[in-house]
């Protein structure tokens, strides 16, 4: 599926738009997080449906939680990381 990632400032004003291909909403959200390195906030859209809105601060908190607890944190669940 094709998703559009809108990079925005923190007040929601669009700064840029990117298209990504992904199989599901969760995968699109994970893949879109890379744009937070360059933008303070992003919105992921599937047509007229907003899939998610992420901010850089939220992504950093999720990463810190995951590292501290050795878990994988997604929007809907927390699960133990698999050992490799």
C-alpha atoms as a PDB file:
ATOM      1  CA  UNK A   1       0.000   0.000   0.000  1.00  0.00           C
ATOM      2  CA  UNK A   2       1.106   3.550  -0.602  1.00  0.00           C
ATOM      3  CA  UNK A   3       1.261   5.909   2.358  1.00  0.00           C
ATOM      4  CA  UNK A   4       2.034   9.616   2.420  1.00  0.00           C
ATOM      5  CA  UNK A   5       4.167  10.949   5.257  1.00  0.00           C
ATOM      6  CA  UNK A   6       3.652  14.645   5.903  1.00  0.00           C
ATOM      7  CA  UNK A   7       6.489  16.298   7.799  1.00  0.00           C
ATOM      8  CA  UNK A   8       5.059  19.095   9.927  1.00  0.00           C
ATOM      9  CA  UNK A   9       6.142  21.615  12.487  1.00  0.00           C
ATOM     10  CA  UNK A  10       4.743  21.166  15.985  1.00  0.00           C
ATOM     11  CA  UNK A  11       1.702  23.300  15.197  1.00  0.00           C
ATOM     12  CA  UNK A  12       0.771  21.019  12.284  1.00  0.00           C
ATOM     13  CA  UNK A  13       1.911  23.197   9.365  1.00  0.00           C
ATOM     14  CA  UNK A  14       3.154  20.974   6.518  1.00  0.00           C
ATOM     15  CA  UNK A  15       6.831  21.276   5.658  1.00  0.00           C
ATOM     16  CA  UNK A  16       7.294  18.371   3.219  1.00  0.00           C
ATOM     17  CA  UNK A  17       5.599  15.210   1.949  1.00  0.00           C
ATOM     18  CA  UNK A  18       7.080  11.784   1.237  1.00  0.00           C
ATOM     19  CA  UNK A  19       5.550   8.647  -0.274  1.00  0.00           C
ATOM     20  CA  UNK A  20       6.403   5.233   1.130  1.00  0.00           C
ATOM     21  CA  UNK A  21       5.257   1.715   0.271  1.00  0.00           C
ATOM     22  CA  UNK A  22       4.362  -0.598   3.119  1.00  0.00           C
ATOM     23  CA  UNK A  23       2.257  -3.675   3.773  1.00  0.00           C
ATOM     24  CA  UNK A  24       0.438  -2.444   6.878  1.00  0.00           C
ATOM     25  CA  UNK A  25      -0.088   0.562   9.135  1.00  0.00           C
ATOM     26  CA  UNK A  26       2.372  -0.592  11.820  1.00  0.00           C
ATOM     27  CA  UNK A  27       5.138  -1.163   9.294  1.00  0.00           C
ATOM     28  CA  UNK A  28       4.472   2.205   7.653  1.00  0.00           C
ATOM     29  CA  UNK A  29       4.652   3.889  11.060  1.00  0.00           C
ATOM     30  CA  UNK A  30       7.980   2.226  11.893  1.00  0.00           C
ATOM     31  CA  UNK A  31       9.436   3.082   8.491  1.00  0.00           C
ATOM     32  CA  UNK A  32       8.230   6.695   8.667  1.00  0.00           C
ATOM     33  CA  UNK A  33       9.983   7.328  12.000  1.00  0.00           C
ATOM     34  CA  UNK A  34      13.219   7.978  10.091  1.00  0.00           C
ATOM     35  CA  UNK A  35      11.763  11.312   8.962  1.00  0.00           C
ATOM     36  CA  UNK A  36      11.755  12.437  12.600  1.00  0.00           C
ATOM     37  CA  UNK A  37      15.528  12.856  12.314  1.00  0.00           C
ATOM     38  CA  UNK A  38      14.920  15.849  10.041  1.00  0.00           C
ATOM     39  CA  UNK A  39      11.474  17.042  11.172  1.00  0.00           C
ATOM     40  CA  UNK A  40       9.922  17.611  14.623  1.00  0.00           C
ATOM     41  CA  UNK A  41       6.637  15.906  13.753  1.00  0.00           C
ATOM     42  CA  UNK A  42       5.163  13.649  11.079  1.00  0.00           C
ATOM     43  CA  UNK A  43       1.723  12.432  10.072  1.00  0.00           C
ATOM     44  CA  UNK A  44       1.227   9.175   8.191  1.00  0.00           C
ATOM     45  CA  UNK A  45      -1.785   9.063   5.866  1.00  0.00           C
ATOM     46  CA  UNK A  46      -3.460   6.296   3.889  1.00  0.00           C
ATOM     47  CA  UNK A  47      -5.603   8.275   1.475  1.00  0.00           C
ATOM     48  CA  UNK A  48      -7.968  10.386   3.582  1.00  0.00           C
ATOM     49  CA  UNK A  49      -7.326   8.314   6.750  1.00  0.00           C
ATOM     50  CA  UNK A  50      -4.693   9.524   9.179  1.00  0.00           C
ATOM     51  CA  UNK A  51      -2.816   6.472  10.421  1.00  0.00           C
ATOM     52  CA  UNK A  52      -0.628   8.159  13.038  1.00  0.00           C
ATOM     53  CA  UNK A  53       0.902  11.412  14.212  1.00  0.00           C
ATOM     54  CA  UNK A  54       4.359  11.149  15.757  1.00  0.00           C
ATOM     55  CA  UNK A  55       6.676  13.678  17.320  1.00  0.00           C
ATOM     56  CA  UNK A  56      10.405  13.399  17.796  1.00  0.00           C
ATOM     57  CA  UNK A  57       9.977  13.543  21.584  1.00  0.00           C
ATOM     58  CA  UNK A  58       7.511  10.615  21.571  1.00  0.00           C
ATOM     59  CA  UNK A  59       9.864   8.518  19.427  1.00  0.00           C
ATOM     60  CA  UNK A  60      12.755   9.206  21.799  1.00  0.00           C
ATOM     61  CA  UNK A  61      10.647   8.154  24.792  1.00  0.00           C
ATOM     62  CA  UNK A  62       9.585   4.908  23.062  1.00  0.00           C
ATOM     63  CA  UNK A  63      13.239   4.172  22.243  1.00  0.00           C
ATOM     64  CA  UNK A  64      14.378   4.841  25.819  1.00  0.00           C
ATOM     65  CA  UNK A  65      11.637   2.595  27.226  1.00  0.00           C
ATOM     66  CA  UNK A  66      12.523  -0.172  24.817  1.00  0.00           C
ATOM     67  CA  UNK A  67      16.228   0.027  25.679  1.00  0.00           C
ATOM     68  CA  UNK A  68      15.643   0.210  29.435  1.00  0.00           C
ATOM     69  CA  UNK A  69      13.263  -2.731  29.533  1.00  0.00           C
ATOM     70  CA  UNK A  70      14.531  -4.754  26.571  1.00  0.00           C
ATOM     71  CA  UNK A  71      11.080  -4.695  25.012  1.00  0.00           C
ATOM     72  CA  UNK A  72       9.656  -3.664  21.693  1.00  0.00           C
ATOM     73  CA  UNK A  73       7.205  -0.780  22.031  1.00  0.00           C
ATOM     74  CA  UNK A  74       4.606  -0.145  19.330  1.00  0.00           C
ATOM     75  CA  UNK A  75       1.546   2.077  19.342  1.00  0.00           C
ATOM     76  CA  UNK A  76      -0.703  -0.782  20.444  1.00  0.00           C
ATOM     77  CA  UNK A  77       1.412  -3.151  22.529  1.00  0.00           C
ATOM     78  CA  UNK A  78       4.578  -3.878  24.482  1.00  0.00           C
ATOM     79  CA  UNK A  79       6.243  -7.249  23.984  1.00  0.00           C
ATOM     80  CA  UNK A  80       9.597  -8.788  24.994  1.00  0.00           C
ATOM     81  CA  UNK A  81      12.333  -8.568  22.402  1.00  0.00           C
ATOM     82  CA  UNK A  82      13.387 -11.844  20.872  1.00  0.00           C
ATOM     83  CA  UNK A  83      16.937 -12.873  21.690  1.00  0.00           C
ATOM     84  CA  UNK A  84      19.160 -13.436  18.697  1.00  0.00           C
END
